[in-house]
N, C-alpha and C. Protein backbone atom coordinates (compact mmCIF):
# COMPACT_ATOMS: atom_id res chain seq x y z
N MET A 1 85.44 120.94 79.79
CA MET A 1 85.39 120.96 81.23
C MET A 1 86.81 120.87 81.79
N ASP A 2 87.11 121.67 82.77
CA ASP A 2 88.36 121.60 83.50
C ASP A 2 88.20 120.54 84.59
N VAL A 3 88.70 119.34 84.31
CA VAL A 3 88.47 118.19 85.18
C VAL A 3 89.07 118.40 86.56
N VAL A 4 90.26 118.96 86.64
CA VAL A 4 90.90 119.16 87.94
C VAL A 4 90.05 120.07 88.83
N SER A 5 89.57 121.17 88.27
CA SER A 5 88.72 122.08 89.06
C SER A 5 87.41 121.41 89.45
N TYR A 6 86.85 120.63 88.54
CA TYR A 6 85.61 119.91 88.80
C TYR A 6 85.81 118.94 89.97
N LEU A 7 86.88 118.18 89.94
CA LEU A 7 87.14 117.24 91.03
C LEU A 7 87.46 117.97 92.33
N ARG A 8 88.24 119.03 92.24
CA ARG A 8 88.59 119.80 93.45
C ARG A 8 87.33 120.33 94.16
N ARG A 9 86.34 120.74 93.38
CA ARG A 9 85.09 121.24 93.97
C ARG A 9 84.36 120.16 94.77
N HIS A 10 84.68 118.90 94.52
CA HIS A 10 84.00 117.81 95.19
C HIS A 10 84.87 117.15 96.27
N ILE A 11 85.99 117.76 96.60
CA ILE A 11 86.81 117.30 97.71
C ILE A 11 86.55 118.22 98.88
N ARG A 12 86.10 117.63 99.97
CA ARG A 12 85.73 118.41 101.15
C ARG A 12 86.96 118.61 102.02
N THR A 13 87.14 119.84 102.50
CA THR A 13 88.20 120.13 103.46
C THR A 13 87.57 120.20 104.84
N VAL A 14 88.10 119.37 105.74
CA VAL A 14 87.61 119.33 107.12
C VAL A 14 88.70 119.93 108.00
N PRO A 15 88.47 121.16 108.51
CA PRO A 15 89.50 121.80 109.33
C PRO A 15 89.66 121.12 110.69
N ASP A 16 90.90 121.12 111.17
CA ASP A 16 91.23 120.64 112.50
C ASP A 16 90.84 119.18 112.74
N TRP A 17 91.00 118.34 111.70
CA TRP A 17 90.74 116.91 111.87
C TRP A 17 91.85 116.11 111.23
N PRO A 18 92.42 115.17 111.85
CA PRO A 18 92.09 114.58 113.15
C PRO A 18 92.68 115.32 114.35
N SER A 19 93.44 116.38 114.09
CA SER A 19 93.98 117.16 115.20
C SER A 19 94.02 118.64 114.81
N PRO A 20 94.11 119.53 115.78
CA PRO A 20 94.11 120.97 115.48
C PRO A 20 95.21 121.34 114.49
N GLY A 21 94.84 122.20 113.54
CA GLY A 21 95.79 122.69 112.55
C GLY A 21 95.84 121.87 111.27
N VAL A 22 95.26 120.67 111.28
CA VAL A 22 95.27 119.81 110.09
C VAL A 22 94.06 120.15 109.21
N GLN A 23 94.32 120.30 107.92
CA GLN A 23 93.25 120.49 106.94
C GLN A 23 93.06 119.16 106.21
N PHE A 24 92.10 118.35 106.67
CA PHE A 24 91.90 117.02 106.12
C PHE A 24 91.18 117.10 104.78
N ARG A 25 91.73 116.45 103.76
CA ARG A 25 91.12 116.43 102.42
C ARG A 25 90.29 115.15 102.29
N ASP A 26 88.99 115.31 102.34
CA ASP A 26 88.04 114.19 102.35
C ASP A 26 87.55 113.91 100.93
N ILE A 27 87.88 112.72 100.41
CA ILE A 27 87.50 112.38 99.03
C ILE A 27 86.13 111.70 98.96
N THR A 28 85.47 111.45 100.09
CA THR A 28 84.19 110.73 100.02
C THR A 28 83.12 111.42 99.17
N PRO A 29 83.07 112.76 99.09
CA PRO A 29 82.09 113.36 98.18
C PRO A 29 82.31 112.99 96.70
N LEU A 30 83.56 112.69 96.33
CA LEU A 30 83.84 112.25 94.96
C LEU A 30 83.16 110.92 94.67
N LEU A 31 83.01 110.11 95.69
CA LEU A 31 82.44 108.77 95.54
C LEU A 31 80.92 108.76 95.62
N GLN A 32 80.34 109.76 96.25
CA GLN A 32 78.90 109.78 96.52
C GLN A 32 78.06 110.13 95.31
N ASP A 33 78.59 110.90 94.41
CA ASP A 33 77.85 111.33 93.23
C ASP A 33 78.32 110.47 92.05
N PRO A 34 77.43 109.66 91.46
CA PRO A 34 77.88 108.74 90.41
C PRO A 34 78.51 109.44 89.21
N ARG A 35 78.06 110.63 88.89
CA ARG A 35 78.64 111.36 87.75
C ARG A 35 80.07 111.79 88.06
N VAL A 36 80.28 112.31 89.26
CA VAL A 36 81.62 112.74 89.67
C VAL A 36 82.55 111.53 89.78
N PHE A 37 82.04 110.45 90.35
CA PHE A 37 82.83 109.23 90.48
C PHE A 37 83.25 108.71 89.11
N ARG A 38 82.35 108.78 88.13
CA ARG A 38 82.67 108.34 86.77
C ARG A 38 83.78 109.20 86.16
N VAL A 39 83.69 110.52 86.34
CA VAL A 39 84.73 111.42 85.82
C VAL A 39 86.07 111.09 86.47
N LEU A 40 86.06 110.86 87.78
CA LEU A 40 87.28 110.53 88.52
C LEU A 40 87.90 109.24 87.98
N ILE A 41 87.12 108.19 87.91
CA ILE A 41 87.64 106.89 87.47
C ILE A 41 88.13 106.97 86.03
N ASP A 42 87.40 107.69 85.18
CA ASP A 42 87.81 107.81 83.78
C ASP A 42 89.19 108.45 83.62
N GLN A 43 89.55 109.37 84.52
CA GLN A 43 90.88 110.00 84.43
C GLN A 43 91.98 108.96 84.56
N PHE A 44 91.78 108.02 85.46
CA PHE A 44 92.78 106.96 85.65
C PHE A 44 92.70 105.92 84.53
N VAL A 45 91.51 105.49 84.20
CA VAL A 45 91.34 104.43 83.20
C VAL A 45 91.90 104.87 81.86
N HIS A 46 91.60 106.08 81.43
CA HIS A 46 92.11 106.55 80.14
C HIS A 46 93.64 106.63 80.15
N ARG A 47 94.21 107.05 81.26
CA ARG A 47 95.68 107.12 81.35
C ARG A 47 96.29 105.72 81.22
N TYR A 48 95.74 104.76 81.94
CA TYR A 48 96.36 103.45 82.01
C TYR A 48 95.91 102.50 80.89
N MET A 49 95.12 102.98 79.97
CA MET A 49 94.85 102.23 78.74
C MET A 49 96.01 102.38 77.76
N ASP A 50 96.81 103.41 77.94
CA ASP A 50 97.99 103.63 77.11
C ASP A 50 98.91 102.42 77.25
N PRO A 51 99.27 101.77 76.15
CA PRO A 51 100.12 100.57 76.23
C PRO A 51 101.42 100.77 77.01
N ALA A 52 101.96 101.97 76.99
CA ALA A 52 103.22 102.22 77.72
C ALA A 52 103.02 102.19 79.23
N LEU A 53 101.81 102.46 79.69
CA LEU A 53 101.52 102.50 81.13
C LEU A 53 100.61 101.37 81.60
N ARG A 54 100.07 100.62 80.66
CA ARG A 54 99.05 99.62 81.00
C ARG A 54 99.62 98.56 81.97
N PRO A 55 98.95 98.39 83.12
CA PRO A 55 99.41 97.40 84.08
C PRO A 55 98.81 96.01 83.82
N ASP A 56 99.43 95.01 84.42
CA ASP A 56 98.86 93.67 84.45
C ASP A 56 97.94 93.52 85.65
N LEU A 57 98.22 94.30 86.69
CA LEU A 57 97.46 94.27 87.94
C LEU A 57 97.38 95.68 88.50
N VAL A 58 96.35 95.91 89.33
CA VAL A 58 96.26 97.13 90.11
C VAL A 58 96.34 96.73 91.58
N ALA A 59 97.23 97.38 92.33
CA ALA A 59 97.35 97.15 93.77
C ALA A 59 96.82 98.38 94.49
N GLY A 60 95.84 98.18 95.35
CA GLY A 60 95.24 99.27 96.12
C GLY A 60 95.67 99.21 97.57
N ILE A 61 95.98 100.38 98.12
CA ILE A 61 96.44 100.47 99.50
C ILE A 61 95.24 100.68 100.43
N ASP A 62 95.24 99.93 101.51
CA ASP A 62 94.21 99.95 102.54
C ASP A 62 93.96 101.39 103.03
N ALA A 63 92.79 101.88 102.97
CA ALA A 63 91.51 101.30 102.60
C ALA A 63 90.90 102.00 101.38
N ARG A 64 91.10 103.31 101.25
CA ARG A 64 90.46 103.98 100.11
C ARG A 64 91.08 103.60 98.77
N GLY A 65 92.32 103.12 98.80
CA GLY A 65 92.92 102.59 97.58
C GLY A 65 92.20 101.35 97.07
N PHE A 66 91.49 100.65 97.97
CA PHE A 66 90.69 99.50 97.55
C PHE A 66 89.54 99.95 96.66
N ILE A 67 88.90 101.03 97.06
CA ILE A 67 87.73 101.53 96.31
C ILE A 67 88.14 101.90 94.90
N LEU A 68 89.16 102.75 94.81
CA LEU A 68 89.62 103.19 93.50
C LEU A 68 90.24 102.05 92.70
N GLY A 69 91.13 101.31 93.33
CA GLY A 69 91.86 100.28 92.64
C GLY A 69 90.99 99.19 92.06
N ALA A 70 89.99 98.75 92.81
CA ALA A 70 89.13 97.67 92.33
C ALA A 70 88.34 98.12 91.10
N VAL A 71 87.83 99.35 91.13
CA VAL A 71 87.05 99.85 90.00
C VAL A 71 87.94 100.05 88.78
N ILE A 72 89.12 100.61 88.98
CA ILE A 72 90.05 100.84 87.87
C ILE A 72 90.49 99.49 87.27
N ALA A 73 90.79 98.52 88.12
CA ALA A 73 91.17 97.19 87.63
C ALA A 73 90.05 96.58 86.80
N PHE A 74 88.83 96.67 87.28
CA PHE A 74 87.67 96.15 86.56
C PHE A 74 87.55 96.81 85.19
N GLU A 75 87.65 98.13 85.17
CA GLU A 75 87.52 98.88 83.91
C GLU A 75 88.65 98.54 82.93
N LEU A 76 89.84 98.27 83.43
CA LEU A 76 90.97 97.92 82.58
C LEU A 76 90.99 96.44 82.19
N GLY A 77 90.16 95.64 82.88
CA GLY A 77 90.13 94.22 82.60
C GLY A 77 91.36 93.48 83.14
N VAL A 78 91.86 93.95 84.29
CA VAL A 78 93.01 93.32 84.92
C VAL A 78 92.65 92.96 86.36
N GLY A 79 93.51 92.21 87.03
CA GLY A 79 93.26 91.80 88.40
C GLY A 79 93.54 92.91 89.40
N PHE A 80 93.00 92.70 90.61
CA PHE A 80 93.20 93.64 91.71
C PHE A 80 93.86 92.92 92.89
N VAL A 81 94.81 93.60 93.54
CA VAL A 81 95.52 93.06 94.68
C VAL A 81 95.42 94.06 95.84
N PRO A 82 94.95 93.61 97.01
CA PRO A 82 94.93 94.51 98.17
C PRO A 82 96.26 94.51 98.93
N ILE A 83 96.68 95.68 99.33
CA ILE A 83 97.79 95.84 100.26
C ILE A 83 97.14 96.31 101.56
N ARG A 84 97.23 95.46 102.58
CA ARG A 84 96.47 95.69 103.80
C ARG A 84 97.35 95.97 105.00
N LYS A 85 96.72 96.52 106.02
CA LYS A 85 97.39 96.71 107.30
C LYS A 85 97.71 95.33 107.88
N LYS A 86 98.78 95.26 108.63
CA LYS A 86 99.26 93.99 109.20
C LYS A 86 98.15 93.26 109.95
N GLY A 87 98.09 91.95 109.68
CA GLY A 87 97.15 91.10 110.41
C GLY A 87 95.77 90.97 109.79
N LYS A 88 95.55 91.56 108.62
CA LYS A 88 94.22 91.54 108.00
C LYS A 88 94.09 90.54 106.85
N LEU A 89 95.20 90.02 106.34
CA LEU A 89 95.15 89.08 105.23
C LEU A 89 95.23 87.65 105.76
N PRO A 90 94.41 86.73 105.21
CA PRO A 90 94.29 85.39 105.79
C PRO A 90 95.32 84.36 105.34
N PHE A 91 96.12 84.66 104.32
CA PHE A 91 97.05 83.67 103.76
C PHE A 91 98.48 84.11 104.08
N ASP A 92 99.46 83.39 103.56
CA ASP A 92 100.87 83.74 103.76
C ASP A 92 101.13 85.12 103.18
N THR A 93 101.89 85.93 103.91
CA THR A 93 102.14 87.31 103.48
C THR A 93 103.62 87.66 103.57
N VAL A 94 103.97 88.75 102.88
CA VAL A 94 105.23 89.43 103.12
C VAL A 94 104.84 90.79 103.68
N GLU A 95 105.70 91.36 104.48
CA GLU A 95 105.35 92.63 105.12
C GLU A 95 106.43 93.67 104.92
N GLN A 96 106.01 94.92 105.09
CA GLN A 96 106.93 96.05 104.99
C GLN A 96 106.52 97.08 106.03
N SER A 97 107.44 97.45 106.87
CA SER A 97 107.16 98.49 107.88
C SER A 97 107.61 99.84 107.36
N TYR A 98 107.02 100.88 107.90
CA TYR A 98 107.38 102.24 107.51
C TYR A 98 107.13 103.15 108.70
N GLU A 99 107.77 104.30 108.66
CA GLU A 99 107.70 105.25 109.77
C GLU A 99 106.53 106.20 109.61
N LEU A 100 105.88 106.47 110.73
CA LEU A 100 104.83 107.48 110.82
C LEU A 100 105.39 108.65 111.63
N GLU A 101 104.59 109.70 111.75
CA GLU A 101 105.03 110.85 112.53
C GLU A 101 105.38 110.45 113.96
N TYR A 102 104.54 109.57 114.54
CA TYR A 102 104.78 109.09 115.91
C TYR A 102 104.71 107.57 115.90
N GLY A 103 105.82 106.91 115.58
CA GLY A 103 105.83 105.45 115.59
C GLY A 103 106.01 104.88 114.20
N SER A 104 105.50 103.64 114.04
CA SER A 104 105.63 102.98 112.75
C SER A 104 104.37 102.16 112.49
N ALA A 105 104.25 101.69 111.25
CA ALA A 105 103.14 100.84 110.85
C ALA A 105 103.67 99.81 109.88
N THR A 106 102.86 98.79 109.61
CA THR A 106 103.26 97.72 108.71
C THR A 106 102.11 97.38 107.78
N VAL A 107 102.44 97.16 106.51
CA VAL A 107 101.46 96.70 105.54
C VAL A 107 101.93 95.35 104.99
N GLU A 108 100.96 94.59 104.45
CA GLU A 108 101.25 93.25 103.96
C GLU A 108 100.57 93.00 102.62
N ILE A 109 101.09 91.99 101.93
CA ILE A 109 100.52 91.53 100.67
C ILE A 109 100.65 90.01 100.67
N HIS A 110 99.70 89.32 100.06
CA HIS A 110 99.81 87.86 99.96
C HIS A 110 101.03 87.48 99.12
N THR A 111 101.67 86.39 99.49
CA THR A 111 102.87 85.95 98.79
C THR A 111 102.58 85.54 97.34
N ASP A 112 101.34 85.18 97.06
CA ASP A 112 100.98 84.77 95.69
C ASP A 112 100.17 85.84 94.95
N ALA A 113 100.29 87.10 95.39
CA ALA A 113 99.49 88.19 94.84
C ALA A 113 99.85 88.54 93.40
N LEU A 114 101.10 88.28 93.02
CA LEU A 114 101.52 88.62 91.67
C LEU A 114 102.66 87.71 91.25
N GLN A 115 102.90 87.70 89.95
CA GLN A 115 103.97 86.89 89.38
C GLN A 115 105.17 87.79 89.07
N ARG A 116 106.33 87.21 89.18
CA ARG A 116 107.57 87.95 88.86
C ARG A 116 107.45 88.58 87.48
N GLY A 117 107.80 89.85 87.38
CA GLY A 117 107.79 90.56 86.11
C GLY A 117 106.46 91.22 85.76
N GLN A 118 105.40 90.98 86.55
CA GLN A 118 104.13 91.64 86.23
C GLN A 118 104.23 93.14 86.49
N ARG A 119 103.54 93.88 85.64
CA ARG A 119 103.49 95.34 85.74
C ARG A 119 102.31 95.72 86.64
N VAL A 120 102.60 96.52 87.68
CA VAL A 120 101.59 96.82 88.69
C VAL A 120 101.41 98.33 88.83
N LEU A 121 100.15 98.75 88.80
CA LEU A 121 99.79 100.13 89.13
C LEU A 121 99.47 100.15 90.62
N LEU A 122 100.12 101.03 91.37
CA LEU A 122 99.92 101.18 92.81
C LEU A 122 99.07 102.41 93.05
N ILE A 123 97.94 102.25 93.76
CA ILE A 123 97.03 103.38 93.90
C ILE A 123 96.54 103.56 95.33
N ASP A 124 96.39 104.83 95.70
CA ASP A 124 95.81 105.23 96.98
C ASP A 124 95.03 106.51 96.76
N ASP A 125 94.35 106.98 97.79
CA ASP A 125 93.54 108.19 97.62
C ASP A 125 94.38 109.46 97.63
N LEU A 126 95.41 109.52 98.50
CA LEU A 126 96.23 110.71 98.52
C LEU A 126 97.65 110.43 98.97
N ILE A 127 98.53 111.33 98.62
CA ILE A 127 99.93 111.23 99.03
C ILE A 127 100.19 112.35 100.02
N ALA A 128 100.54 111.95 101.25
CA ALA A 128 100.89 112.92 102.29
C ALA A 128 102.40 112.78 102.56
N THR A 129 102.77 111.95 103.52
CA THR A 129 104.20 111.77 103.82
C THR A 129 104.85 110.72 102.91
N GLY A 130 104.04 109.94 102.21
CA GLY A 130 104.56 108.97 101.24
C GLY A 130 104.97 107.62 101.79
N GLY A 131 104.95 107.46 103.10
CA GLY A 131 105.42 106.21 103.71
C GLY A 131 104.64 104.98 103.29
N THR A 132 103.33 105.08 103.25
CA THR A 132 102.51 103.92 102.91
C THR A 132 102.74 103.50 101.47
N MET A 133 102.77 104.47 100.56
CA MET A 133 102.96 104.13 99.15
C MET A 133 104.36 103.57 98.91
N LEU A 134 105.36 104.12 99.57
CA LEU A 134 106.71 103.59 99.43
C LEU A 134 106.78 102.16 99.95
N ALA A 135 106.10 101.88 101.06
CA ALA A 135 106.05 100.51 101.59
C ALA A 135 105.34 99.59 100.59
N GLY A 136 104.26 100.06 99.97
CA GLY A 136 103.57 99.27 98.95
C GLY A 136 104.47 98.96 97.78
N LYS A 137 105.23 99.94 97.33
CA LYS A 137 106.19 99.74 96.23
C LYS A 137 107.20 98.66 96.60
N ARG A 138 107.71 98.74 97.80
CA ARG A 138 108.71 97.77 98.24
C ARG A 138 108.13 96.35 98.32
N LEU A 139 106.88 96.24 98.76
CA LEU A 139 106.22 94.92 98.81
C LEU A 139 106.12 94.31 97.41
N ILE A 140 105.67 95.11 96.47
CA ILE A 140 105.52 94.63 95.09
C ILE A 140 106.87 94.19 94.53
N GLU A 141 107.89 94.98 94.81
CA GLU A 141 109.23 94.64 94.34
C GLU A 141 109.78 93.38 95.02
N LYS A 142 109.45 93.17 96.30
CA LYS A 142 109.88 91.95 97.00
C LYS A 142 109.36 90.70 96.29
N LEU A 143 108.16 90.81 95.71
CA LEU A 143 107.55 89.69 95.01
C LEU A 143 107.97 89.62 93.54
N GLY A 144 108.83 90.56 93.12
CA GLY A 144 109.34 90.54 91.75
C GLY A 144 108.51 91.33 90.76
N GLY A 145 107.56 92.11 91.27
CA GLY A 145 106.74 92.94 90.39
C GLY A 145 107.44 94.23 90.01
N ASP A 146 106.95 94.84 88.94
CA ASP A 146 107.46 96.11 88.44
C ASP A 146 106.37 97.16 88.61
N VAL A 147 106.60 98.15 89.46
CA VAL A 147 105.60 99.19 89.68
C VAL A 147 105.68 100.18 88.53
N VAL A 148 104.63 100.19 87.71
CA VAL A 148 104.55 101.07 86.55
C VAL A 148 104.49 102.52 86.99
N GLU A 149 103.66 102.77 88.00
CA GLU A 149 103.46 104.14 88.49
C GLU A 149 102.71 104.07 89.80
N GLY A 150 102.90 105.10 90.62
CA GLY A 150 102.08 105.31 91.80
C GLY A 150 101.07 106.38 91.45
N ALA A 151 99.80 106.16 91.81
CA ALA A 151 98.75 107.11 91.46
C ALA A 151 97.89 107.43 92.67
N ALA A 152 97.40 108.66 92.69
CA ALA A 152 96.51 109.10 93.76
C ALA A 152 95.64 110.24 93.24
N ILE A 153 94.55 110.47 93.92
CA ILE A 153 93.70 111.60 93.58
C ILE A 153 94.38 112.89 93.99
N VAL A 154 94.85 112.94 95.25
CA VAL A 154 95.34 114.17 95.85
C VAL A 154 96.82 114.06 96.20
N ASP A 155 97.56 115.13 95.94
CA ASP A 155 98.94 115.27 96.40
C ASP A 155 99.01 116.44 97.36
N LEU A 156 99.62 116.21 98.51
CA LEU A 156 99.89 117.26 99.50
C LEU A 156 101.41 117.46 99.53
N PRO A 157 101.95 118.15 98.52
CA PRO A 157 103.41 118.20 98.34
C PRO A 157 104.18 118.81 99.49
N GLU A 158 103.56 119.68 100.25
CA GLU A 158 104.28 120.33 101.35
C GLU A 158 104.63 119.36 102.48
N LEU A 159 103.99 118.18 102.48
CA LEU A 159 104.31 117.17 103.49
C LEU A 159 105.50 116.30 103.07
N GLY A 160 105.96 116.51 101.82
CA GLY A 160 107.18 115.87 101.36
C GLY A 160 107.05 114.47 100.79
N GLY A 161 105.86 113.90 100.81
CA GLY A 161 105.69 112.54 100.34
C GLY A 161 105.96 112.33 98.87
N SER A 162 105.45 113.22 98.03
CA SER A 162 105.66 113.02 96.59
C SER A 162 107.14 113.13 96.23
N GLN A 163 107.86 114.01 96.89
CA GLN A 163 109.30 114.10 96.62
C GLN A 163 110.03 112.86 97.12
N LEU A 164 109.65 112.36 98.31
CA LEU A 164 110.24 111.14 98.84
C LEU A 164 110.04 109.97 97.87
N LEU A 165 108.83 109.87 97.31
CA LEU A 165 108.52 108.78 96.38
C LEU A 165 109.32 108.90 95.09
N ARG A 166 109.39 110.11 94.56
CA ARG A 166 110.18 110.32 93.34
C ARG A 166 111.66 110.01 93.59
N ASP A 167 112.15 110.46 94.75
CA ASP A 167 113.55 110.17 95.11
C ASP A 167 113.77 108.67 95.26
N GLY A 168 112.71 107.93 95.63
CA GLY A 168 112.79 106.49 95.76
C GLY A 168 112.56 105.75 94.45
N GLY A 169 112.49 106.50 93.35
CA GLY A 169 112.38 105.88 92.03
C GLY A 169 110.97 105.58 91.55
N LEU A 170 109.97 106.13 92.22
CA LEU A 170 108.59 105.88 91.82
C LEU A 170 108.05 107.02 90.97
N LYS A 171 107.59 106.71 89.77
CA LYS A 171 106.91 107.71 88.95
C LYS A 171 105.53 107.91 89.55
N LEU A 172 105.05 109.16 89.56
CA LEU A 172 103.77 109.48 90.19
C LEU A 172 102.82 110.15 89.22
N PHE A 173 101.52 109.88 89.43
CA PHE A 173 100.45 110.58 88.73
C PHE A 173 99.40 110.93 89.76
N THR A 174 99.12 112.23 89.90
CA THR A 174 98.06 112.69 90.79
C THR A 174 97.18 113.67 90.03
N LEU A 175 95.96 113.82 90.49
CA LEU A 175 95.00 114.68 89.81
C LEU A 175 94.90 116.07 90.42
N VAL A 176 94.85 116.15 91.74
CA VAL A 176 94.62 117.43 92.42
C VAL A 176 95.77 117.70 93.38
N ASP A 177 96.39 118.84 93.21
CA ASP A 177 97.55 119.24 94.00
C ASP A 177 97.12 120.34 94.97
N TYR A 178 97.42 120.17 96.24
CA TYR A 178 97.10 121.20 97.24
C TYR A 178 98.35 121.89 97.72
N ALA A 179 99.24 122.24 96.81
CA ALA A 179 100.46 122.97 97.18
C ALA A 179 100.07 124.33 97.77
N GLY A 180 100.71 124.68 98.87
CA GLY A 180 100.47 125.99 99.50
C GLY A 180 99.20 126.06 100.31
N HIS A 181 98.55 124.94 100.51
CA HIS A 181 97.28 124.96 101.27
C HIS A 181 97.47 124.26 102.59
């Protein structure tokens, strides 16, 4: 089976959402079918079982990164850490702001989310402009963690995010590339 084509067939494209001209890549169909969801999760789990890439923790970015990250962490037998939008975590946090197309946003992580030197897999559903994932990387590093890799289902390389992340020193793993789309 060609896994990339199989997964791509289950990613819905929603034209003109959230604004005209945008081709939104909706991953929710990947989650709705248990067989497809299993194939998706297995791609990540098998990769990160490799001792060279195996993390001590998985950090998921708000919100779809929570879905993927929690399941992958469970399958790997490691802990899960949420990286949330500002104001959503109940304990002491560190924060990192990043630029959006129009304005800025901030994400946070609990100050006790990880121990210095722990290896962390950072995961989200897709890479567009790369700002959120770069902010997540910086948060983990502020706490002394080592980001093993940034991972996502979808890469939208024409938006420049994957190049920004690589230029920022983050190794990336993605499953479906929408270059030229």
